C-alpha atoms as a PDB file:
ATOM      1  CA  UNK A   1     -52.449  27.346 -45.832  1.00  0.00           C
ATOM      2  CA  UNK A   2     -48.826  28.060 -46.838  1.00  0.00           C
ATOM      3  CA  UNK A   3     -47.848  29.238 -43.404  1.00  0.00           C
ATOM      4  CA  UNK A   4     -49.150  25.986 -41.916  1.00  0.00           C
ATOM      5  CA  UNK A   5     -46.967  24.038 -44.302  1.00  0.00           C
ATOM      6  CA  UNK A   6     -43.901  26.060 -43.365  1.00  0.00           C
ATOM      7  CA  UNK A   7     -44.738  25.825 -39.688  1.00  0.00           C
ATOM      8  CA  UNK A   8     -45.059  22.066 -39.968  1.00  0.00           C
ATOM      9  CA  UNK A   9     -41.742  21.808 -41.798  1.00  0.00           C
ATOM     10  CA  UNK A  10     -40.058  24.042 -39.224  1.00  0.00           C
ATOM     11  CA  UNK A  11     -41.516  21.993 -36.388  1.00  0.00           C
ATOM     12  CA  UNK A  12     -40.372  18.787 -38.071  1.00  0.00           C
ATOM     13  CA  UNK A  13     -36.830  20.137 -38.461  1.00  0.00           C
ATOM     14  CA  UNK A  14     -36.829  21.416 -34.876  1.00  0.00           C
ATOM     15  CA  UNK A  15     -37.956  18.050 -33.527  1.00  0.00           C
ATOM     16  CA  UNK A  16     -35.366  16.252 -35.662  1.00  0.00           C
ATOM     17  CA  UNK A  17     -32.576  18.512 -34.398  1.00  0.00           C
ATOM     18  CA  UNK A  18     -33.659  18.082 -30.771  1.00  0.00           C
ATOM     19  CA  UNK A  19     -33.888  14.327 -31.273  1.00  0.00           C
ATOM     20  CA  UNK A  20     -30.414  14.268 -32.825  1.00  0.00           C
ATOM     21  CA  UNK A  21     -28.977  16.218 -29.912  1.00  0.00           C
ATOM     22  CA  UNK A  22     -30.751  13.939 -27.452  1.00  0.00           C
ATOM     23  CA  UNK A  23     -29.429  10.862 -29.250  1.00  0.00           C
ATOM     24  CA  UNK A  24     -25.898  12.266 -29.277  1.00  0.00           C
ATOM     25  CA  UNK A  25     -26.108  13.025 -25.562  1.00  0.00           C
ATOM     26  CA  UNK A  26     -27.507   9.561 -24.852  1.00  0.00           C
ATOM     27  CA  UNK A  27     -24.670   7.956 -26.813  1.00  0.00           C
ATOM     28  CA  UNK A  28     -22.122  10.174 -25.055  1.00  0.00           C
ATOM     29  CA  UNK A  29     -23.549   9.381 -21.615  1.00  0.00           C
ATOM     30  CA  UNK A  30     -23.609   5.672 -22.439  1.00  0.00           C
ATOM     31  CA  UNK A  31     -19.973   5.748 -23.567  1.00  0.00           C
ATOM     32  CA  UNK A  32     -18.982   7.664 -20.427  1.00  0.00           C
ATOM     33  CA  UNK A  33     -20.830   5.158 -18.246  1.00  0.00           C
ATOM     34  CA  UNK A  34     -19.109   2.258 -19.997  1.00  0.00           C
ATOM     35  CA  UNK A  35     -15.721   3.962 -19.651  1.00  0.00           C
ATOM     36  CA  UNK A  36     -16.409   4.670 -15.973  1.00  0.00           C
ATOM     37  CA  UNK A  37     -17.333   1.057 -15.276  1.00  0.00           C
ATOM     38  CA  UNK A  38     -14.246  -0.211 -17.107  1.00  0.00           C
ATOM     39  CA  UNK A  39     -11.930   2.115 -15.176  1.00  0.00           C
ATOM     40  CA  UNK A  40     -13.612   1.371 -11.838  1.00  0.00           C
ATOM     41  CA  UNK A  41     -13.123  -2.334 -12.507  1.00  0.00           C
ATOM     42  CA  UNK A  42      -9.457  -1.702 -13.315  1.00  0.00           C
ATOM     43  CA  UNK A  43      -9.070   0.310 -10.103  1.00  0.00           C
ATOM     44  CA  UNK A  44     -10.717  -2.504  -8.136  1.00  0.00           C
ATOM     45  CA  UNK A  45      -8.312  -5.081  -9.566  1.00  0.00           C
ATOM     46  CA  UNK A  46      -5.385  -2.809  -8.690  1.00  0.00           C
ATOM     47  CA  UNK A  47      -6.658  -2.372  -5.145  1.00  0.00           C
ATOM     48  CA  UNK A  48      -6.875  -6.139  -4.719  1.00  0.00           C
ATOM     49  CA  UNK A  49      -3.200  -6.394  -5.665  1.00  0.00           C
ATOM     50  CA  UNK A  50      -2.390  -3.534  -3.305  1.00  0.00           C
ATOM     51  CA  UNK A  51      -4.084  -5.441  -0.486  1.00  0.00           C
ATOM     52  CA  UNK A  52      -1.909  -8.482  -1.202  1.00  0.00           C
ATOM     53  CA  UNK A  53       1.243  -6.344  -1.089  1.00  0.00           C
ATOM     54  CA  UNK A  54       0.083  -4.635   2.102  1.00  0.00           C
ATOM     55  CA  UNK A  55      -0.571  -7.969   3.808  1.00  0.00           C
ATOM     56  CA  UNK A  56       2.924  -9.179   2.890  1.00  0.00           C
ATOM     57  CA  UNK A  57       4.588  -5.996   4.133  1.00  0.00           C
ATOM     58  CA  UNK A  58       2.565  -6.006   7.359  1.00  0.00           C
ATOM     59  CA  UNK A  59       3.650  -9.608   7.963  1.00  0.00           C
ATOM     60  CA  UNK A  60       7.244  -8.561   7.310  1.00  0.00           C
ATOM     61  CA  UNK A  61       7.028  -5.741   9.837  1.00  0.00           C
ATOM     62  CA  UNK A  62       5.500  -8.088  12.407  1.00  0.00           C
ATOM     63  CA  UNK A  63       8.400 -10.464  11.819  1.00  0.00           C
ATOM     64  CA  UNK A  64      10.768  -7.534  12.305  1.00  0.00           C
ATOM     65  CA  UNK A  65       9.102  -6.659  15.617  1.00  0.00           C
ATOM     66  CA  UNK A  66       9.424 -10.291  16.708  1.00  0.00           C
ATOM     67  CA  UNK A  67      13.110 -10.073  15.787  1.00  0.00           C
ATOM     68  CA  UNK A  68      13.471  -7.174  18.225  1.00  0.00           C
ATOM     69  CA  UNK A  69      11.905  -9.304  20.962  1.00  0.00           C
ATOM     70  CA  UNK A  70      14.210 -12.215  20.073  1.00  0.00           C
ATOM     71  CA  UNK A  71      17.404 -10.163  20.218  1.00  0.00           C
ATOM     72  CA  UNK A  72      16.295  -8.420  23.403  1.00  0.00           C
ATOM     73  CA  UNK A  73      15.987 -11.855  24.993  1.00  0.00           C
ATOM     74  CA  UNK A  74      19.462 -12.734  23.758  1.00  0.00           C
ATOM     75  CA  UNK A  75      20.922  -9.565  25.261  1.00  0.00           C
ATOM     76  CA  UNK A  76      19.131 -10.151  28.552  1.00  0.00           C
ATOM     77  CA  UNK A  77      20.428 -13.715  28.783  1.00  0.00           C
ATOM     78  CA  UNK A  78      16.984 -15.265  28.338  1.00  0.00           C
ATOM     79  CA  UNK A  79      16.382 -18.450  26.376  1.00  0.00           C
ATOM     80  CA  UNK A  80      16.029 -17.778  22.633  1.00  0.00           C
ATOM     81  CA  UNK A  81      15.465 -20.604  20.099  1.00  0.00           C
ATOM     82  CA  UNK A  82      18.636 -21.288  18.136  1.00  0.00           C
ATOM     83  CA  UNK A  83      16.642 -22.335  15.069  1.00  0.00           C
ATOM     84  CA  UNK A  84      15.227 -18.789  14.859  1.00  0.00           C
ATOM     85  CA  UNK A  85      18.658 -17.169  14.636  1.00  0.00           C
ATOM     86  CA  UNK A  86      18.838 -16.902  10.844  1.00  0.00           C
ATOM     87  CA  UNK A  87      15.241 -15.738  10.497  1.00  0.00           C
ATOM     88  CA  UNK A  88      15.565 -12.964  13.042  1.00  0.00           C
ATOM     89  CA  UNK A  89      19.031 -11.923  11.917  1.00  0.00           C
ATOM     90  CA  UNK A  90      17.610 -11.430   8.419  1.00  0.00           C
ATOM     91  CA  UNK A  91      14.322  -9.801   9.419  1.00  0.00           C
ATOM     92  CA  UNK A  92      15.622  -7.429  12.104  1.00  0.00           C
ATOM     93  CA  UNK A  93      16.623  -4.657   9.680  1.00  0.00           C
ATOM     94  CA  UNK A  94      14.856  -5.805   6.521  1.00  0.00           C
ATOM     95  CA  UNK A  95      13.410  -2.933   4.467  1.00  0.00           C
ATOM     96  CA  UNK A  96      10.286  -2.974   2.298  1.00  0.00           C
ATOM     97  CA  UNK A  97       8.894  -1.022  -0.632  1.00  0.00           C
ATOM     98  CA  UNK A  98       5.263   0.008  -0.968  1.00  0.00           C
ATOM     99  CA  UNK A  99       4.169  -1.207  -4.405  1.00  0.00           C
ATOM    100  CA  UNK A 100       1.186   0.652  -5.844  1.00  0.00           C
ATOM    101  CA  UNK A 101      -0.894  -0.716  -8.702  1.00  0.00           C
ATOM    102  CA  UNK A 102      -2.146   2.652  -9.910  1.00  0.00           C
ATOM    103  CA  UNK A 103      -2.768   2.051 -13.630  1.00  0.00           C
ATOM    104  CA  UNK A 104      -6.540   2.289 -13.128  1.00  0.00           C
ATOM    105  CA  UNK A 105      -6.236   5.608 -11.323  1.00  0.00           C
ATOM    106  CA  UNK A 106      -3.873   6.952 -13.986  1.00  0.00           C
ATOM    107  CA  UNK A 107      -6.441   5.990 -16.633  1.00  0.00           C
ATOM    108  CA  UNK A 108      -9.085   7.884 -14.670  1.00  0.00           C
ATOM    109  CA  UNK A 109      -6.885  10.965 -14.420  1.00  0.00           C
ATOM    110  CA  UNK A 110      -6.233  10.927 -18.154  1.00  0.00           C
ATOM    111  CA  UNK A 111      -9.970  10.697 -18.899  1.00  0.00           C
ATOM    112  CA  UNK A 112     -10.899  13.239 -16.237  1.00  0.00           C
ATOM    113  CA  UNK A 113     -11.725  12.626 -12.593  1.00  0.00           C
ATOM    114  CA  UNK A 114     -15.299  13.814 -13.178  1.00  0.00           C
ATOM    115  CA  UNK A 115     -15.879  10.586 -15.101  1.00  0.00           C
ATOM    116  CA  UNK A 116     -16.727   9.019 -11.728  1.00  0.00           C
ATOM    117  CA  UNK A 117     -20.284  10.198 -11.168  1.00  0.00           C
ATOM    118  CA  UNK A 118     -20.550   9.412  -7.463  1.00  0.00           C
ATOM    119  CA  UNK A 119     -19.079  12.416  -5.621  1.00  0.00           C
ATOM    120  CA  UNK A 120     -18.281  10.468  -2.462  1.00  0.00           C
ATOM    121  CA  UNK A 121     -16.505   7.675  -4.329  1.00  0.00           C
ATOM    122  CA  UNK A 122     -14.570  10.132  -6.475  1.00  0.00           C
ATOM    123  CA  UNK A 123     -13.388  11.997  -3.375  1.00  0.00           C
ATOM    124  CA  UNK A 124     -12.366   8.762  -1.635  1.00  0.00           C
ATOM    125  CA  UNK A 125     -10.448   7.518  -4.688  1.00  0.00           C
ATOM    126  CA  UNK A 126      -8.546  10.797  -4.985  1.00  0.00           C
ATOM    127  CA  UNK A 127      -7.741  10.819  -1.259  1.00  0.00           C
ATOM    128  CA  UNK A 128      -6.562   7.210  -1.367  1.00  0.00           C
ATOM    129  CA  UNK A 129      -4.186   7.630  -4.314  1.00  0.00           C
ATOM    130  CA  UNK A 130      -3.057  11.215  -3.790  1.00  0.00           C
ATOM    131  CA  UNK A 131      -2.583  11.020  -0.030  1.00  0.00           C
ATOM    132  CA  UNK A 132      -2.798   7.636   1.695  1.00  0.00           C
ATOM    133  CA  UNK A 133      -0.770   5.528  -0.742  1.00  0.00           C
ATOM    134  CA  UNK A 134       1.761   8.282  -1.419  1.00  0.00           C
ATOM    135  CA  UNK A 135       2.359   8.792   2.300  1.00  0.00           C
ATOM    136  CA  UNK A 136       2.801   5.029   2.676  1.00  0.00           C
ATOM    137  CA  UNK A 137       5.406   4.946  -0.101  1.00  0.00           C
ATOM    138  CA  UNK A 138       7.299   7.900   1.385  1.00  0.00           C
ATOM    139  CA  UNK A 139       7.169   6.317   4.827  1.00  0.00           C
ATOM    140  CA  UNK A 140       8.727   3.076   3.562  1.00  0.00           C
ATOM    141  CA  UNK A 141      11.154   4.414   0.982  1.00  0.00           C
ATOM    142  CA  UNK A 142      12.084   8.011   1.865  1.00  0.00           C
ATOM    143  CA  UNK A 143      11.621   8.462   5.607  1.00  0.00           C
ATOM    144  CA  UNK A 144      15.079   8.224   7.166  1.00  0.00           C
ATOM    145  CA  UNK A 145      13.907   6.478  10.344  1.00  0.00           C
ATOM    146  CA  UNK A 146      12.530   3.587   8.265  1.00  0.00           C
ATOM    147  CA  UNK A 147      15.729   2.921   6.293  1.00  0.00           C
ATOM    148  CA  UNK A 148      16.525   0.261   8.851  1.00  0.00           C
ATOM    149  CA  UNK A 149      19.194  -1.679   6.986  1.00  0.00           C
ATOM    150  CA  UNK A 150      21.315   1.391   6.265  1.00  0.00           C
ATOM    151  CA  UNK A 151      20.747   2.850   9.730  1.00  0.00           C
ATOM    152  CA  UNK A 152      21.228  -0.187  11.944  1.00  0.00           C
ATOM    153  CA  UNK A 153      22.684  -3.228  10.148  1.00  0.00           C
ATOM    154  CA  UNK A 154      26.352  -2.125  10.059  1.00  0.00           C
ATOM    155  CA  UNK A 155      26.443  -1.613  13.835  1.00  0.00           C
ATOM    156  CA  UNK A 156      24.366  -4.757  14.440  1.00  0.00           C
ATOM    157  CA  UNK A 157      26.612  -7.003  12.354  1.00  0.00           C
ATOM    158  CA  UNK A 158      29.794  -5.510  13.835  1.00  0.00           C
ATOM    159  CA  UNK A 159      28.489  -6.189  17.334  1.00  0.00           C
ATOM    160  CA  UNK A 160      27.141  -9.703  16.727  1.00  0.00           C
ATOM    161  CA  UNK A 161      29.504 -11.190  14.129  1.00  0.00           C
ATOM    162  CA  UNK A 162      32.334 -11.966  16.605  1.00  0.00           C
ATOM    163  CA  UNK A 163      29.912 -14.077  18.644  1.00  0.00           C
ATOM    164  CA  UNK A 164      28.325 -16.056  15.793  1.00  0.00           C
ATOM    165  CA  UNK A 165      29.004 -19.742  15.178  1.00  0.00           C
ATOM    166  CA  UNK A 166      29.252 -20.822  11.533  1.00  0.00           C
ATOM    167  CA  UNK A 167      28.859 -24.092   9.670  1.00  0.00           C
ATOM    168  CA  UNK A 168      31.693 -25.290   7.403  1.00  0.00           C
ATOM    169  CA  UNK A 169      29.711 -23.742   4.552  1.00  0.00           C
ATOM    170  CA  UNK A 170      29.735 -20.328   6.208  1.00  0.00           C
ATOM    171  CA  UNK A 171      26.102 -20.270   7.375  1.00  0.00           C
ATOM    172  CA  UNK A 172      25.401 -18.867  10.861  1.00  0.00           C
ATOM    173  CA  UNK A 173      24.252 -21.708  13.102  1.00  0.00           C
ATOM    174  CA  UNK A 174      24.327 -20.301  16.612  1.00  0.00           C
ATOM    175  CA  UNK A 175      25.648 -17.795  19.099  1.00  0.00           C
ATOM    176  CA  UNK A 176      28.265 -17.962  21.813  1.00  0.00           C
ATOM    177  CA  UNK A 177      26.046 -17.379  24.827  1.00  0.00           C
ATOM    178  CA  UNK A 178      25.911 -15.497  27.015  1.00  0.00           C
ATOM    179  CA  UNK A 179      27.044 -12.610  24.828  1.00  0.00           C
ATOM    180  CA  UNK A 180      30.132 -10.949  26.235  1.00  0.00           C
ATOM    181  CA  UNK A 181      29.395  -7.347  25.287  1.00  0.00           C
ATOM    182  CA  UNK A 182      30.703  -4.165  26.817  1.00  0.00           C
ATOM    183  CA  UNK A 183      27.951  -2.292  28.701  1.00  0.00           C
ATOM    184  CA  UNK A 184      27.943   0.656  26.294  1.00  0.00           C
ATOM    185  CA  UNK A 185      27.622  -1.597  23.239  1.00  0.00           C
ATOM    186  CA  UNK A 186      24.865  -3.608  24.900  1.00  0.00           C
ATOM    187  CA  UNK A 187      22.889  -0.522  25.897  1.00  0.00           C
ATOM    188  CA  UNK A 188      23.274   0.984  22.436  1.00  0.00           C
ATOM    189  CA  UNK A 189      21.973  -2.222  20.889  1.00  0.00           C
ATOM    190  CA  UNK A 190      18.998  -2.253  23.274  1.00  0.00           C
ATOM    191  CA  UNK A 191      18.210   1.338  22.312  1.00  0.00           C
ATOM    192  CA  UNK A 192      18.425   0.457  18.615  1.00  0.00           C
ATOM    193  CA  UNK A 193      16.065  -2.473  19.156  1.00  0.00           C
ATOM    194  CA  UNK A 194      13.565  -0.171  20.844  1.00  0.00           C
ATOM    195  CA  UNK A 195      13.743   2.346  17.985  1.00  0.00           C
ATOM    196  CA  UNK A 196      13.388  -0.352  15.328  1.00  0.00           C
ATOM    197  CA  UNK A 197      10.388  -1.857  17.106  1.00  0.00           C
ATOM    198  CA  UNK A 198       8.687   1.527  17.551  1.00  0.00           C
ATOM    199  CA  UNK A 199       9.219   2.526  13.919  1.00  0.00           C
ATOM    200  CA  UNK A 200       7.935  -0.805  12.669  1.00  0.00           C
ATOM    201  CA  UNK A 201       4.899  -0.589  14.960  1.00  0.00           C
ATOM    202  CA  UNK A 202       4.079   2.900  13.657  1.00  0.00           C
ATOM    203  CA  UNK A 203       4.432   1.812  10.034  1.00  0.00           C
ATOM    204  CA  UNK A 204       2.409  -1.354  10.665  1.00  0.00           C
ATOM    205  CA  UNK A 205      -0.378   0.762  12.192  1.00  0.00           C
ATOM    206  CA  UNK A 206      -0.445   3.062   9.160  1.00  0.00           C
ATOM    207  CA  UNK A 207      -0.547   0.058   6.837  1.00  0.00           C
ATOM    208  CA  UNK A 208      -3.596  -1.161   8.751  1.00  0.00           C
ATOM    209  CA  UNK A 209      -5.338   2.202   8.365  1.00  0.00           C
ATOM    210  CA  UNK A 210      -4.643   2.281   4.619  1.00  0.00           C
ATOM    211  CA  UNK A 211      -5.831  -1.314   4.308  1.00  0.00           C
ATOM    212  CA  UNK A 212      -9.199  -0.328   5.815  1.00  0.00           C
ATOM    213  CA  UNK A 213      -9.534   2.622   3.427  1.00  0.00           C
ATOM    214  CA  UNK A 214      -8.715   0.424   0.442  1.00  0.00           C
ATOM    215  CA  UNK A 215     -11.341  -2.100   1.494  1.00  0.00           C
ATOM    216  CA  UNK A 216     -13.915   0.680   1.913  1.00  0.00           C
ATOM    217  CA  UNK A 217     -13.213   2.143  -1.546  1.00  0.00           C
ATOM    218  CA  UNK A 218     -13.229  -1.280  -3.182  1.00  0.00           C
ATOM    219  CA  UNK A 219     -16.532  -2.166  -1.496  1.00  0.00           C
ATOM    220  CA  UNK A 220     -18.039   1.131  -2.719  1.00  0.00           C
ATOM    221  CA  UNK A 221     -16.899   0.354  -6.255  1.00  0.00           C
ATOM    222  CA  UNK A 222     -18.403  -3.121  -5.952  1.00  0.00           C
ATOM    223  CA  UNK A 223     -21.782  -1.713  -4.905  1.00  0.00           C
ATOM    224  CA  UNK A 224     -21.881   0.723  -7.810  1.00  0.00           C
ATOM    225  CA  UNK A 225     -20.932  -1.913 -10.378  1.00  0.00           C
ATOM    226  CA  UNK A 226     -23.499  -4.320  -8.914  1.00  0.00           C
ATOM    227  CA  UNK A 227     -26.252  -1.703  -9.185  1.00  0.00           C
ATOM    228  CA  UNK A 228     -25.508  -1.181 -12.877  1.00  0.00           C
ATOM    229  CA  UNK A 229     -25.190  -4.815 -13.861  1.00  0.00           C
END
């Protein structure tokens, strides 16, 4: 009968150890799931802010493209609204920065990317932050062609300033039309307008592509969080 007693005690200890391991794993999995949900929610909030910034920058680039159309009309002697002069003088070479709200992604990286259980979502998040948003920032802030103010404003202001009309307070109010420009200066300005418009159109298109990817990732996060709630 002694061996039965020892066998029972051994079995009891074995079951207790297995149960303890199972409980530890359950607690660990639960904590990981809670941490994942918290970080995914933080990423989602950051993406919503990114979308707001993207919409503002896209609107700014559209305004810049409209400025190219406005000044092309001026150069071609077509009618251009005088009350749009200040707006399109300001927006023609205005630069932008691509703000990224990446605190949620940085939290995920510090905890380990494998914390996100869904392979597809994890891959999309990594691609978005490590490629799409970084390329967008480099395009706006480092790519020489998109440094519009430094590249084009000095020549633009030197060409236009002699023909501007100013208020007593020094604010531009109009232009002496038609512009009396030498043919070379006029053609150079037209070429600059074309380059500015093309660069803005390219950047605007990339913003739109990134916007779609952000919406897709955020929607995926929303579905996962909804399934677990």
